[in-house]
């Protein structure tokens, strides 16, 4: 459960943005806040990452994520740190993701800057250990996602190094589409007005020639 509205919207936007990014790949699964069981027949051994991405598994709706049935752990996990989760995110989950699930990349984000210094941190698995991901232009590059993670105020954004732009959230994409639709409608109105004026001029010319 998200601790605040801010944490909820960050989790939602991050998950939805990545889901849209990989929408055309049927073998990339994006989810978040979903119970993940990692030991067969032991329902007490579970974790619920805020956002996670798994490559090489089928994209479908799941009731939960069973690591042994899917055949692999997540490739990347993002935790939005809060006062109630910061210790777990930095210790328990850190060790679990590194030693048991062997998650290739682990990111932590503290939107208000209350607990983490720096507020956005990333770790990449190397020879069984998590090594800090060095920032590039104040962004943390993810090999798994082929994106860079960046803090913008209290927001977590995903930067595409190929386009040089942030990936839009679903809300931003909807706003862009609405703006494009309004521009198209305005263009059609201008064309219709131009046709009406042209028809009026032609009618006037016909009347003049008839006289």
N, C-alpha and C. Protein backbone atom coordinates (compact mmCIF):
# COMPACT_ATOMS: atom_id res chain seq x y z
N UNK A 1 0.83 -1.19 0.00
CA UNK A 1 0.00 0.00 0.00
C UNK A 1 0.87 1.25 0.00
N UNK A 2 0.48 2.25 -0.78
CA UNK A 2 1.22 3.50 -0.82
C UNK A 2 0.97 4.28 0.46
N UNK A 3 2.02 4.92 0.97
CA UNK A 3 1.89 5.65 2.23
C UNK A 3 1.14 6.96 2.06
N UNK A 4 1.34 7.63 0.94
CA UNK A 4 0.68 8.92 0.68
C UNK A 4 0.19 8.94 -0.76
N UNK A 5 -0.61 9.96 -1.08
CA UNK A 5 -1.06 10.12 -2.47
C UNK A 5 0.14 10.30 -3.40
N UNK A 6 1.14 11.05 -2.94
CA UNK A 6 2.34 11.26 -3.76
C UNK A 6 2.99 9.92 -4.11
N UNK A 7 3.17 9.07 -3.13
CA UNK A 7 3.79 7.77 -3.37
C UNK A 7 2.92 6.91 -4.29
N UNK A 8 1.60 6.98 -4.10
CA UNK A 8 0.71 6.21 -4.95
C UNK A 8 0.82 6.65 -6.41
N UNK A 9 0.77 7.96 -6.65
CA UNK A 9 0.82 8.44 -8.02
C UNK A 9 2.17 8.17 -8.67
N UNK A 10 3.25 8.23 -7.88
CA UNK A 10 4.55 7.90 -8.42
C UNK A 10 4.62 6.44 -8.82
N UNK A 11 4.12 5.56 -7.98
CA UNK A 11 4.09 4.13 -8.31
C UNK A 11 3.25 3.89 -9.56
N UNK A 12 2.07 4.51 -9.59
CA UNK A 12 1.16 4.31 -10.72
C UNK A 12 1.77 4.84 -12.02
N UNK A 13 2.29 6.08 -11.97
CA UNK A 13 2.82 6.68 -13.19
C UNK A 13 4.06 5.92 -13.69
N UNK A 14 4.92 5.49 -12.77
CA UNK A 14 6.11 4.75 -13.18
C UNK A 14 5.73 3.44 -13.84
N UNK A 15 4.82 2.72 -13.21
CA UNK A 15 4.38 1.44 -13.78
C UNK A 15 3.72 1.65 -15.14
N UNK A 16 2.79 2.61 -15.22
CA UNK A 16 2.05 2.82 -16.47
C UNK A 16 2.96 3.32 -17.59
N UNK A 17 3.92 4.18 -17.24
CA UNK A 17 4.84 4.69 -18.25
C UNK A 17 5.70 3.57 -18.83
N UNK A 18 6.21 2.70 -17.96
CA UNK A 18 7.02 1.58 -18.44
C UNK A 18 6.16 0.56 -19.18
N UNK A 19 4.94 0.37 -18.73
CA UNK A 19 4.04 -0.56 -19.42
C UNK A 19 3.77 -0.07 -20.84
N UNK A 20 3.58 1.23 -20.99
CA UNK A 20 3.37 1.79 -22.33
C UNK A 20 4.62 1.67 -23.17
N UNK A 21 5.78 1.83 -22.53
CA UNK A 21 7.05 1.73 -23.24
C UNK A 21 7.22 0.36 -23.89
N UNK A 22 6.83 -0.68 -23.17
CA UNK A 22 7.01 -2.05 -23.65
C UNK A 22 5.71 -2.68 -24.13
N UNK A 23 4.74 -1.85 -24.47
CA UNK A 23 3.42 -2.35 -24.85
C UNK A 23 3.46 -3.27 -26.07
N UNK A 24 4.39 -3.01 -26.98
CA UNK A 24 4.43 -3.79 -28.23
C UNK A 24 5.25 -5.07 -28.11
N UNK A 25 5.85 -5.30 -26.96
CA UNK A 25 6.65 -6.51 -26.77
C UNK A 25 5.86 -7.49 -25.90
N UNK A 26 5.38 -8.60 -26.48
CA UNK A 26 4.55 -9.54 -25.71
C UNK A 26 5.31 -10.29 -24.64
N UNK A 27 6.63 -10.17 -24.64
CA UNK A 27 7.44 -10.91 -23.68
C UNK A 27 8.16 -10.00 -22.69
N UNK A 28 7.53 -8.87 -22.40
CA UNK A 28 8.00 -8.02 -21.32
C UNK A 28 6.80 -7.73 -20.42
N UNK A 29 6.93 -8.12 -19.17
CA UNK A 29 5.84 -7.96 -18.20
C UNK A 29 6.20 -6.85 -17.23
N UNK A 30 5.29 -5.88 -17.10
CA UNK A 30 5.47 -4.76 -16.18
C UNK A 30 4.34 -4.77 -15.17
N UNK A 31 4.69 -4.67 -13.91
CA UNK A 31 3.66 -4.65 -12.88
C UNK A 31 4.17 -3.90 -11.67
N UNK A 32 3.36 -3.88 -10.63
CA UNK A 32 3.76 -3.21 -9.40
C UNK A 32 2.76 -3.47 -8.30
N UNK A 33 3.24 -3.41 -7.07
CA UNK A 33 2.41 -3.65 -5.90
C UNK A 33 1.65 -4.97 -6.01
N UNK A 34 2.31 -5.97 -6.56
CA UNK A 34 1.74 -7.29 -6.75
C UNK A 34 2.52 -8.28 -5.90
N UNK A 35 1.80 -9.17 -5.21
CA UNK A 35 2.49 -10.15 -4.38
C UNK A 35 3.35 -11.08 -5.23
N UNK A 36 4.61 -11.17 -4.84
CA UNK A 36 5.55 -12.03 -5.54
C UNK A 36 6.04 -13.11 -4.56
N UNK A 37 5.76 -14.36 -4.89
CA UNK A 37 6.20 -15.48 -4.05
C UNK A 37 7.44 -16.09 -4.69
N UNK A 38 8.43 -16.40 -3.86
CA UNK A 38 9.69 -16.87 -4.43
C UNK A 38 10.18 -18.21 -3.88
N UNK A 39 9.40 -18.82 -2.97
CA UNK A 39 9.72 -20.15 -2.48
C UNK A 39 8.48 -21.02 -2.63
N UNK A 40 8.54 -22.11 -3.38
CA UNK A 40 7.36 -22.95 -3.61
C UNK A 40 6.70 -23.40 -2.31
N UNK A 41 5.36 -23.31 -2.30
CA UNK A 41 4.54 -23.80 -1.20
C UNK A 41 4.83 -23.10 0.13
N UNK A 42 5.37 -21.91 0.06
CA UNK A 42 5.60 -21.12 1.28
C UNK A 42 5.03 -19.73 1.05
N UNK A 43 3.77 -19.53 1.40
CA UNK A 43 3.10 -18.27 1.13
C UNK A 43 3.50 -17.16 2.09
N UNK A 44 4.32 -17.48 3.07
CA UNK A 44 4.79 -16.44 3.97
C UNK A 44 6.05 -15.77 3.44
N UNK A 45 6.66 -16.37 2.43
CA UNK A 45 7.86 -15.80 1.83
C UNK A 45 7.45 -15.07 0.55
N UNK A 46 7.16 -13.83 0.72
CA UNK A 46 6.72 -13.03 -0.44
C UNK A 46 7.19 -11.60 -0.28
N UNK A 47 7.12 -10.87 -1.38
CA UNK A 47 7.50 -9.46 -1.41
C UNK A 47 6.58 -8.78 -2.42
N UNK A 48 6.44 -7.48 -2.28
CA UNK A 48 5.55 -6.75 -3.19
C UNK A 48 6.27 -5.49 -3.69
N UNK A 49 7.09 -5.61 -4.73
CA UNK A 49 7.81 -4.44 -5.24
C UNK A 49 6.85 -3.36 -5.74
N UNK A 50 7.25 -2.12 -5.58
CA UNK A 50 6.40 -1.02 -6.07
C UNK A 50 6.24 -1.09 -7.58
N UNK A 51 7.34 -1.28 -8.29
CA UNK A 51 7.33 -1.40 -9.75
C UNK A 51 8.39 -2.42 -10.14
N UNK A 52 8.03 -3.33 -11.05
CA UNK A 52 9.05 -4.27 -11.52
C UNK A 52 8.83 -4.63 -12.98
N UNK A 53 9.92 -4.98 -13.63
CA UNK A 53 9.92 -5.32 -15.05
C UNK A 53 10.60 -6.67 -15.22
N UNK A 54 9.94 -7.57 -15.95
CA UNK A 54 10.51 -8.88 -16.22
C UNK A 54 10.55 -9.09 -17.73
N UNK A 55 11.73 -9.34 -18.23
CA UNK A 55 11.88 -9.64 -19.65
C UNK A 55 11.89 -11.14 -19.87
N UNK A 56 11.26 -11.58 -20.97
CA UNK A 56 11.27 -12.99 -21.31
C UNK A 56 10.12 -13.78 -20.74
N UNK A 57 9.12 -13.10 -20.17
CA UNK A 57 7.91 -13.80 -19.74
C UNK A 57 6.71 -13.17 -20.44
N UNK A 58 5.66 -13.93 -20.54
CA UNK A 58 4.49 -13.51 -21.30
C UNK A 58 3.78 -12.34 -20.62
N UNK A 59 3.37 -11.39 -21.43
CA UNK A 59 2.57 -10.26 -20.94
C UNK A 59 1.14 -10.74 -20.77
N UNK A 60 0.64 -10.77 -19.54
CA UNK A 60 -0.74 -11.18 -19.27
C UNK A 60 -1.12 -10.70 -17.88
N UNK A 61 -2.44 -10.78 -17.58
CA UNK A 61 -2.91 -10.43 -16.25
C UNK A 61 -2.59 -11.57 -15.29
N UNK A 62 -2.10 -11.22 -14.11
CA UNK A 62 -1.72 -12.23 -13.12
C UNK A 62 -2.36 -11.90 -11.77
N UNK A 63 -2.73 -12.94 -11.03
CA UNK A 63 -3.22 -12.77 -9.67
C UNK A 63 -2.05 -12.48 -8.73
N UNK A 64 -0.92 -13.08 -9.02
CA UNK A 64 0.32 -12.88 -8.27
C UNK A 64 1.45 -13.35 -9.17
N UNK A 65 2.67 -13.18 -8.68
CA UNK A 65 3.83 -13.59 -9.48
C UNK A 65 4.57 -14.69 -8.74
N UNK A 66 4.59 -15.89 -9.33
CA UNK A 66 5.26 -17.04 -8.74
C UNK A 66 6.58 -17.25 -9.49
N UNK A 67 7.67 -16.94 -8.83
CA UNK A 67 8.97 -16.94 -9.48
C UNK A 67 9.30 -18.31 -10.07
N UNK A 68 9.01 -19.38 -9.34
CA UNK A 68 9.38 -20.72 -9.82
C UNK A 68 8.53 -21.16 -11.01
N UNK A 69 7.30 -20.66 -11.12
CA UNK A 69 6.47 -21.00 -12.27
C UNK A 69 6.85 -20.17 -13.50
N UNK A 70 7.16 -18.90 -13.28
CA UNK A 70 7.54 -18.02 -14.39
C UNK A 70 8.93 -18.37 -14.90
N UNK A 71 9.75 -18.92 -14.04
CA UNK A 71 11.08 -19.33 -14.46
C UNK A 71 12.15 -18.28 -14.30
N UNK A 72 11.78 -17.11 -13.77
CA UNK A 72 12.80 -16.08 -13.56
C UNK A 72 12.28 -14.99 -12.64
N UNK A 73 13.22 -14.27 -12.05
CA UNK A 73 12.91 -13.13 -11.19
C UNK A 73 12.83 -11.86 -12.04
N UNK A 74 12.35 -10.77 -11.45
CA UNK A 74 12.35 -9.50 -12.18
C UNK A 74 13.77 -9.10 -12.60
N UNK A 75 13.85 -8.39 -13.71
CA UNK A 75 15.13 -7.86 -14.17
C UNK A 75 15.43 -6.51 -13.56
N UNK A 76 14.38 -5.76 -13.26
CA UNK A 76 14.56 -4.44 -12.65
C UNK A 76 13.42 -4.18 -11.68
N UNK A 77 13.76 -3.57 -10.56
CA UNK A 77 12.77 -3.22 -9.53
C UNK A 77 13.00 -1.78 -9.11
N UNK A 78 11.89 -1.06 -8.91
CA UNK A 78 11.93 0.30 -8.40
C UNK A 78 11.09 0.36 -7.12
N UNK A 79 11.69 0.90 -6.06
CA UNK A 79 10.96 1.11 -4.81
C UNK A 79 10.87 2.61 -4.55
N UNK A 80 9.64 3.08 -4.26
CA UNK A 80 9.43 4.47 -3.87
C UNK A 80 9.48 4.52 -2.35
N UNK A 81 10.56 5.04 -1.83
CA UNK A 81 10.84 4.97 -0.39
C UNK A 81 9.99 5.96 0.41
N UNK A 82 9.50 5.47 1.55
CA UNK A 82 8.74 6.31 2.46
C UNK A 82 9.22 6.05 3.88
N UNK A 83 8.63 6.74 4.85
CA UNK A 83 9.07 6.59 6.23
C UNK A 83 8.84 5.16 6.74
N UNK A 84 7.80 4.51 6.24
CA UNK A 84 7.48 3.17 6.72
C UNK A 84 8.22 2.07 5.96
N UNK A 85 8.84 2.41 4.83
CA UNK A 85 9.50 1.37 4.03
C UNK A 85 11.01 1.56 3.88
N UNK A 86 11.53 2.70 4.31
CA UNK A 86 12.92 3.02 3.98
C UNK A 86 13.91 2.00 4.53
N UNK A 87 13.70 1.53 5.76
CA UNK A 87 14.63 0.56 6.33
C UNK A 87 14.55 -0.77 5.59
N UNK A 88 13.32 -1.18 5.28
CA UNK A 88 13.14 -2.43 4.56
C UNK A 88 13.73 -2.33 3.16
N UNK A 89 13.51 -1.18 2.50
CA UNK A 89 14.02 -0.99 1.14
C UNK A 89 15.55 -1.04 1.10
N UNK A 90 16.18 -0.52 2.15
CA UNK A 90 17.64 -0.41 2.15
C UNK A 90 18.35 -1.64 2.75
N UNK A 91 17.60 -2.47 3.47
CA UNK A 91 18.23 -3.63 4.11
C UNK A 91 17.60 -4.94 3.65
N UNK A 92 16.39 -5.21 4.12
CA UNK A 92 15.74 -6.50 3.85
C UNK A 92 15.57 -6.74 2.36
N UNK A 93 14.94 -5.79 1.67
CA UNK A 93 14.70 -5.95 0.24
C UNK A 93 16.01 -5.90 -0.54
N UNK A 94 16.90 -5.06 -0.10
CA UNK A 94 18.20 -4.96 -0.76
C UNK A 94 18.87 -6.33 -0.80
N UNK A 95 18.91 -7.01 0.33
CA UNK A 95 19.55 -8.33 0.41
C UNK A 95 18.74 -9.38 -0.35
N UNK A 96 17.41 -9.30 -0.24
CA UNK A 96 16.55 -10.26 -0.93
C UNK A 96 16.73 -10.15 -2.44
N UNK A 97 16.68 -8.94 -2.96
CA UNK A 97 16.81 -8.74 -4.40
C UNK A 97 18.20 -9.12 -4.89
N UNK A 98 19.19 -8.88 -4.08
CA UNK A 98 20.57 -9.19 -4.47
C UNK A 98 20.89 -10.67 -4.34
N UNK A 99 20.58 -11.25 -3.19
CA UNK A 99 21.07 -12.60 -2.87
C UNK A 99 20.13 -13.72 -3.27
N UNK A 100 18.82 -13.47 -3.20
CA UNK A 100 17.85 -14.54 -3.46
C UNK A 100 17.25 -14.41 -4.86
N UNK A 101 16.67 -13.27 -5.14
CA UNK A 101 16.02 -13.08 -6.45
C UNK A 101 17.02 -12.71 -7.54
N UNK A 102 18.16 -12.19 -7.13
CA UNK A 102 19.21 -11.82 -8.08
C UNK A 102 18.68 -10.88 -9.17
N UNK A 103 18.00 -9.84 -8.72
CA UNK A 103 17.47 -8.80 -9.61
C UNK A 103 18.63 -8.02 -10.21
N UNK A 104 18.65 -7.88 -11.51
CA UNK A 104 19.80 -7.28 -12.19
C UNK A 104 20.00 -5.81 -11.81
N UNK A 105 18.90 -5.07 -11.66
CA UNK A 105 19.01 -3.65 -11.31
C UNK A 105 17.95 -3.29 -10.27
N UNK A 106 18.39 -2.53 -9.28
CA UNK A 106 17.50 -2.12 -8.19
C UNK A 106 17.63 -0.61 -7.99
N UNK A 107 16.47 0.08 -8.06
CA UNK A 107 16.45 1.53 -7.91
C UNK A 107 15.59 1.91 -6.71
N UNK A 108 16.03 2.92 -5.98
CA UNK A 108 15.28 3.48 -4.86
C UNK A 108 15.11 4.97 -5.09
N UNK A 109 13.89 5.46 -4.83
CA UNK A 109 13.62 6.88 -5.04
C UNK A 109 12.88 7.42 -3.82
N UNK A 110 13.43 8.49 -3.28
CA UNK A 110 12.84 9.19 -2.14
C UNK A 110 12.32 10.54 -2.65
N UNK A 111 11.03 10.64 -2.98
CA UNK A 111 10.52 11.83 -3.68
C UNK A 111 10.66 13.13 -2.90
N UNK A 112 10.61 13.06 -1.58
CA UNK A 112 10.69 14.28 -0.79
C UNK A 112 12.10 14.54 -0.26
N UNK A 113 13.01 13.64 -0.53
CA UNK A 113 14.38 13.83 -0.09
C UNK A 113 14.55 13.78 1.41
N UNK A 114 13.71 13.01 2.09
CA UNK A 114 13.75 12.93 3.54
C UNK A 114 14.71 11.87 4.07
N UNK A 115 14.97 10.84 3.27
CA UNK A 115 15.66 9.67 3.81
C UNK A 115 16.92 9.28 3.04
N UNK A 116 16.88 9.40 1.74
CA UNK A 116 18.00 8.94 0.93
C UNK A 116 18.88 10.11 0.48
N UNK A 117 20.17 9.90 0.54
CA UNK A 117 21.15 10.87 0.05
C UNK A 117 22.16 10.14 -0.83
N UNK A 118 22.11 10.28 -2.15
CA UNK A 118 21.18 11.09 -2.93
C UNK A 118 19.77 10.49 -2.94
N UNK A 119 18.82 11.27 -3.38
CA UNK A 119 17.42 10.85 -3.30
C UNK A 119 17.05 9.77 -4.31
N UNK A 120 17.82 9.66 -5.38
CA UNK A 120 17.62 8.60 -6.37
C UNK A 120 18.90 7.77 -6.42
N UNK A 121 18.75 6.48 -6.15
CA UNK A 121 19.90 5.58 -6.12
C UNK A 121 19.62 4.35 -6.97
N UNK A 122 20.66 3.84 -7.59
CA UNK A 122 20.53 2.64 -8.41
C UNK A 122 21.69 1.71 -8.18
N UNK A 123 21.40 0.41 -8.28
CA UNK A 123 22.42 -0.61 -8.07
C UNK A 123 22.31 -1.66 -9.17
N UNK A 124 23.45 -2.12 -9.63
CA UNK A 124 23.48 -3.13 -10.69
C UNK A 124 24.23 -4.36 -10.17
N UNK A 125 23.66 -5.53 -10.41
CA UNK A 125 24.25 -6.77 -9.92
C UNK A 125 25.50 -7.11 -10.72
N UNK A 126 26.60 -7.34 -9.99
CA UNK A 126 27.86 -7.70 -10.63
C UNK A 126 28.60 -8.69 -9.74
N UNK A 127 28.73 -9.91 -10.25
CA UNK A 127 29.43 -10.97 -9.52
C UNK A 127 28.85 -11.18 -8.12
N UNK A 128 27.53 -11.16 -8.06
CA UNK A 128 26.85 -11.45 -6.80
C UNK A 128 26.71 -10.28 -5.86
N UNK A 129 27.16 -9.10 -6.25
CA UNK A 129 27.08 -7.93 -5.38
C UNK A 129 26.40 -6.79 -6.12
N UNK A 130 25.80 -5.89 -5.35
CA UNK A 130 25.19 -4.70 -5.93
C UNK A 130 26.21 -3.57 -5.93
N UNK A 131 26.52 -3.07 -7.12
CA UNK A 131 27.42 -1.93 -7.25
C UNK A 131 26.61 -0.70 -7.63
N UNK A 132 26.91 0.44 -7.02
CA UNK A 132 26.17 1.66 -7.34
C UNK A 132 26.29 2.01 -8.83
N UNK A 133 25.19 2.46 -9.39
CA UNK A 133 25.17 2.91 -10.79
C UNK A 133 25.60 4.37 -10.80
N UNK A 134 26.62 4.66 -11.55
CA UNK A 134 27.12 6.03 -11.62
C UNK A 134 26.22 6.89 -12.50
N UNK A 135 25.90 8.10 -12.06
CA UNK A 135 25.02 8.97 -12.84
C UNK A 135 25.70 9.48 -14.11
N UNK A 136 24.90 9.71 -15.11
CA UNK A 136 25.32 10.33 -16.37
C UNK A 136 24.43 11.55 -16.58
N UNK A 137 25.00 12.73 -16.51
CA UNK A 137 24.23 13.98 -16.63
C UNK A 137 23.08 14.00 -15.62
N UNK A 138 23.40 13.60 -14.38
CA UNK A 138 22.43 13.59 -13.28
C UNK A 138 21.31 12.58 -13.48
N UNK A 139 21.54 11.61 -14.35
CA UNK A 139 20.56 10.55 -14.57
C UNK A 139 21.23 9.21 -14.31
N UNK A 140 20.42 8.21 -13.91
CA UNK A 140 20.95 6.88 -13.67
C UNK A 140 20.58 5.98 -14.85
N UNK A 141 21.57 5.55 -15.64
CA UNK A 141 21.27 4.71 -16.81
C UNK A 141 20.90 3.29 -16.39
N UNK A 142 19.86 2.78 -17.01
CA UNK A 142 19.43 1.40 -16.78
C UNK A 142 19.71 0.58 -18.03
N UNK A 143 20.56 -0.44 -17.89
CA UNK A 143 20.82 -1.34 -19.02
C UNK A 143 19.61 -2.20 -19.33
N UNK A 144 18.85 -2.55 -18.31
CA UNK A 144 17.67 -3.39 -18.49
C UNK A 144 16.61 -2.66 -19.30
N UNK A 145 16.34 -1.42 -18.93
CA UNK A 145 15.26 -0.66 -19.55
C UNK A 145 15.69 0.12 -20.78
N UNK A 146 17.00 0.25 -20.99
CA UNK A 146 17.54 1.11 -22.06
C UNK A 146 17.01 2.53 -21.91
N UNK A 147 16.87 2.95 -20.65
CA UNK A 147 16.40 4.29 -20.31
C UNK A 147 17.26 4.83 -19.19
N UNK A 148 17.14 6.13 -18.94
CA UNK A 148 17.79 6.74 -17.81
C UNK A 148 16.72 7.21 -16.82
N UNK A 149 16.93 6.97 -15.54
CA UNK A 149 16.02 7.43 -14.52
C UNK A 149 16.50 8.78 -14.00
N UNK A 150 15.56 9.70 -13.80
CA UNK A 150 15.93 11.05 -13.41
C UNK A 150 14.90 11.62 -12.44
N UNK A 151 15.39 12.34 -11.46
CA UNK A 151 14.49 13.05 -10.56
C UNK A 151 14.15 14.41 -11.14
N UNK A 152 12.87 14.77 -11.07
CA UNK A 152 12.42 16.10 -11.46
C UNK A 152 11.47 16.58 -10.36
N UNK A 153 12.00 17.36 -9.43
CA UNK A 153 11.20 17.75 -8.27
C UNK A 153 10.88 16.51 -7.45
N UNK A 154 9.60 16.28 -7.25
CA UNK A 154 9.17 15.07 -6.54
C UNK A 154 8.79 13.95 -7.50
N UNK A 155 9.01 14.15 -8.80
CA UNK A 155 8.65 13.16 -9.80
C UNK A 155 9.84 12.29 -10.18
N UNK A 156 9.55 11.07 -10.57
CA UNK A 156 10.54 10.18 -11.15
C UNK A 156 10.24 10.07 -12.63
N UNK A 157 11.21 10.45 -13.46
CA UNK A 157 11.00 10.45 -14.90
C UNK A 157 11.93 9.46 -15.57
N UNK A 158 11.50 9.03 -16.77
CA UNK A 158 12.29 8.10 -17.56
C UNK A 158 12.71 8.80 -18.84
N UNK A 159 14.02 8.89 -19.02
CA UNK A 159 14.60 9.63 -20.13
C UNK A 159 15.08 8.66 -21.20
N UNK A 160 14.68 8.93 -22.44
CA UNK A 160 15.10 8.09 -23.56
C UNK A 160 16.34 8.72 -24.20
N UNK A 161 17.50 8.11 -24.05
CA UNK A 161 18.73 8.71 -24.60
C UNK A 161 18.73 8.78 -26.12
N UNK A 162 17.91 7.97 -26.77
CA UNK A 162 17.87 7.99 -28.24
C UNK A 162 17.12 9.21 -28.75
N UNK A 163 16.03 9.58 -28.09
CA UNK A 163 15.23 10.73 -28.54
C UNK A 163 15.62 12.02 -27.81
N UNK A 164 16.30 11.85 -26.65
CA UNK A 164 16.64 13.02 -25.86
C UNK A 164 15.45 13.61 -25.14
N UNK A 165 14.41 12.80 -24.90
CA UNK A 165 13.19 13.30 -24.26
C UNK A 165 12.75 12.34 -23.15
N UNK A 166 11.99 12.91 -22.21
CA UNK A 166 11.35 12.08 -21.21
C UNK A 166 10.22 11.28 -21.84
N UNK A 167 10.00 10.09 -21.35
CA UNK A 167 8.81 9.35 -21.75
C UNK A 167 7.60 10.03 -21.12
N UNK A 168 6.53 10.21 -21.86
CA UNK A 168 5.35 10.85 -21.28
C UNK A 168 4.60 9.89 -20.36
N UNK A 169 4.03 10.44 -19.30
CA UNK A 169 3.11 9.64 -18.50
C UNK A 169 1.82 9.46 -19.30
N UNK A 170 0.95 8.58 -18.84
CA UNK A 170 -0.31 8.38 -19.56
C UNK A 170 -1.13 9.67 -19.58
N UNK A 171 -1.08 10.42 -18.49
CA UNK A 171 -1.81 11.68 -18.44
C UNK A 171 -1.23 12.67 -19.44
N UNK A 172 0.09 12.75 -19.51
CA UNK A 172 0.71 13.65 -20.47
C UNK A 172 0.42 13.23 -21.89
N UNK A 173 0.44 11.92 -22.15
CA UNK A 173 0.12 11.42 -23.48
C UNK A 173 -1.30 11.76 -23.86
N UNK A 174 -2.23 11.62 -22.91
CA UNK A 174 -3.63 11.97 -23.17
C UNK A 174 -3.78 13.46 -23.47
N UNK A 175 -3.02 14.29 -22.74
CA UNK A 175 -3.06 15.73 -22.99
C UNK A 175 -2.51 16.06 -24.36
N UNK A 176 -1.43 15.38 -24.76
CA UNK A 176 -0.85 15.60 -26.08
C UNK A 176 -1.84 15.21 -27.17
N UNK A 177 -2.50 14.07 -26.98
CA UNK A 177 -3.45 13.60 -27.99
C UNK A 177 -4.64 14.55 -28.07
N UNK A 178 -5.09 15.07 -26.92
CA UNK A 178 -6.20 16.01 -26.92
C UNK A 178 -5.80 17.30 -27.63
N UNK A 179 -4.58 17.78 -27.36
CA UNK A 179 -4.11 19.00 -28.02
C UNK A 179 -4.00 18.78 -29.53
N UNK A 180 -3.51 17.61 -29.94
CA UNK A 180 -3.39 17.31 -31.37
C UNK A 180 -4.78 17.24 -32.01
N UNK A 181 -5.73 16.66 -31.29
CA UNK A 181 -7.09 16.57 -31.82
C UNK A 181 -7.72 17.95 -31.97
N UNK A 182 -7.48 18.82 -30.97
CA UNK A 182 -8.02 20.17 -31.06
C UNK A 182 -7.39 20.94 -32.21
N UNK A 183 -6.09 20.73 -32.43
CA UNK A 183 -5.43 21.40 -33.56
C UNK A 183 -5.99 20.90 -34.89
N UNK A 184 -6.24 19.60 -34.97
CA UNK A 184 -6.80 19.03 -36.19
C UNK A 184 -8.21 19.56 -36.44
N UNK A 185 -9.00 19.65 -35.37
CA UNK A 185 -10.36 20.16 -35.52
C UNK A 185 -10.35 21.62 -35.94
N UNK A 186 -9.41 22.39 -35.38
CA UNK A 186 -9.31 23.80 -35.75
C UNK A 186 -8.89 23.94 -37.22
N UNK A 187 -8.00 23.06 -37.68
CA UNK A 187 -7.57 23.10 -39.08
C UNK A 187 -8.73 22.77 -40.00
N UNK A 188 -9.55 21.79 -39.62
CA UNK A 188 -10.71 21.42 -40.44
C UNK A 188 -11.70 22.59 -40.49
N UNK A 189 -11.90 23.26 -39.37
CA UNK A 189 -12.81 24.41 -39.34
C UNK A 189 -12.31 25.52 -40.26
N UNK A 190 -11.00 25.75 -40.24
CA UNK A 190 -10.45 26.79 -41.12
C UNK A 190 -10.64 26.41 -42.59
N UNK A 191 -10.45 25.12 -42.92
CA UNK A 191 -10.65 24.68 -44.29
C UNK A 191 -12.11 24.83 -44.71
N UNK A 192 -13.02 24.44 -43.83
CA UNK A 192 -14.44 24.56 -44.16
C UNK A 192 -14.85 26.02 -44.36
N UNK A 193 -14.29 26.89 -43.49
CA UNK A 193 -14.59 28.31 -43.64
C UNK A 193 -14.04 28.83 -44.96
N UNK A 194 -12.83 28.36 -45.32
CA UNK A 194 -12.25 28.78 -46.59
C UNK A 194 -13.08 28.30 -47.77
N UNK A 195 -13.58 27.06 -47.70
CA UNK A 195 -14.43 26.53 -48.78
C UNK A 195 -15.73 27.32 -48.89
N UNK A 196 -16.31 27.67 -47.74
CA UNK A 196 -17.55 28.45 -47.76
C UNK A 196 -17.32 29.81 -48.39
N UNK A 197 -16.22 30.44 -48.04
CA UNK A 197 -15.91 31.75 -48.63
C UNK A 197 -15.68 31.62 -50.12
N UNK A 198 -14.99 30.53 -50.53
CA UNK A 198 -14.74 30.33 -51.95
C UNK A 198 -16.03 30.08 -52.71
N UNK A 199 -16.95 29.28 -52.11
CA UNK A 199 -18.24 29.04 -52.77
C UNK A 199 -19.02 30.34 -52.90
N UNK A 200 -18.96 31.18 -51.86
CA UNK A 200 -19.68 32.45 -51.92
C UNK A 200 -19.12 33.33 -53.03
N UNK A 201 -17.81 33.34 -53.19
CA UNK A 201 -17.18 34.13 -54.25
C UNK A 201 -17.57 33.60 -55.62
N UNK A 202 -17.63 32.25 -55.76
CA UNK A 202 -18.02 31.66 -57.04
C UNK A 202 -19.46 31.98 -57.38
N UNK A 203 -20.34 31.92 -56.38
CA UNK A 203 -21.74 32.25 -56.61
C UNK A 203 -21.88 33.72 -57.04
N UNK A 204 -21.13 34.57 -56.37
CA UNK A 204 -21.18 36.00 -56.72
C UNK A 204 -20.68 36.21 -58.14
N UNK A 205 -19.63 35.48 -58.53
CA UNK A 205 -19.10 35.60 -59.87
C UNK A 205 -20.09 35.10 -60.91
N UNK A 206 -20.79 34.00 -60.60
CA UNK A 206 -21.79 33.48 -61.53
C UNK A 206 -22.91 34.47 -61.74
N UNK A 207 -23.38 35.09 -60.66
CA UNK A 207 -24.44 36.08 -60.79
C UNK A 207 -24.00 37.28 -61.61
N UNK A 208 -22.75 37.66 -61.44
CA UNK A 208 -22.22 38.81 -62.17
C UNK A 208 -22.14 38.49 -63.65
N UNK A 209 -21.69 37.28 -63.99
CA UNK A 209 -21.57 36.88 -65.39
C UNK A 209 -22.95 36.70 -66.03
N UNK A 210 -23.91 36.26 -65.22
CA UNK A 210 -25.27 36.07 -65.75
C UNK A 210 -25.93 37.38 -66.11
N UNK A 211 -25.55 38.44 -65.43
CA UNK A 211 -26.13 39.75 -65.71
C UNK A 211 -25.42 40.43 -66.89
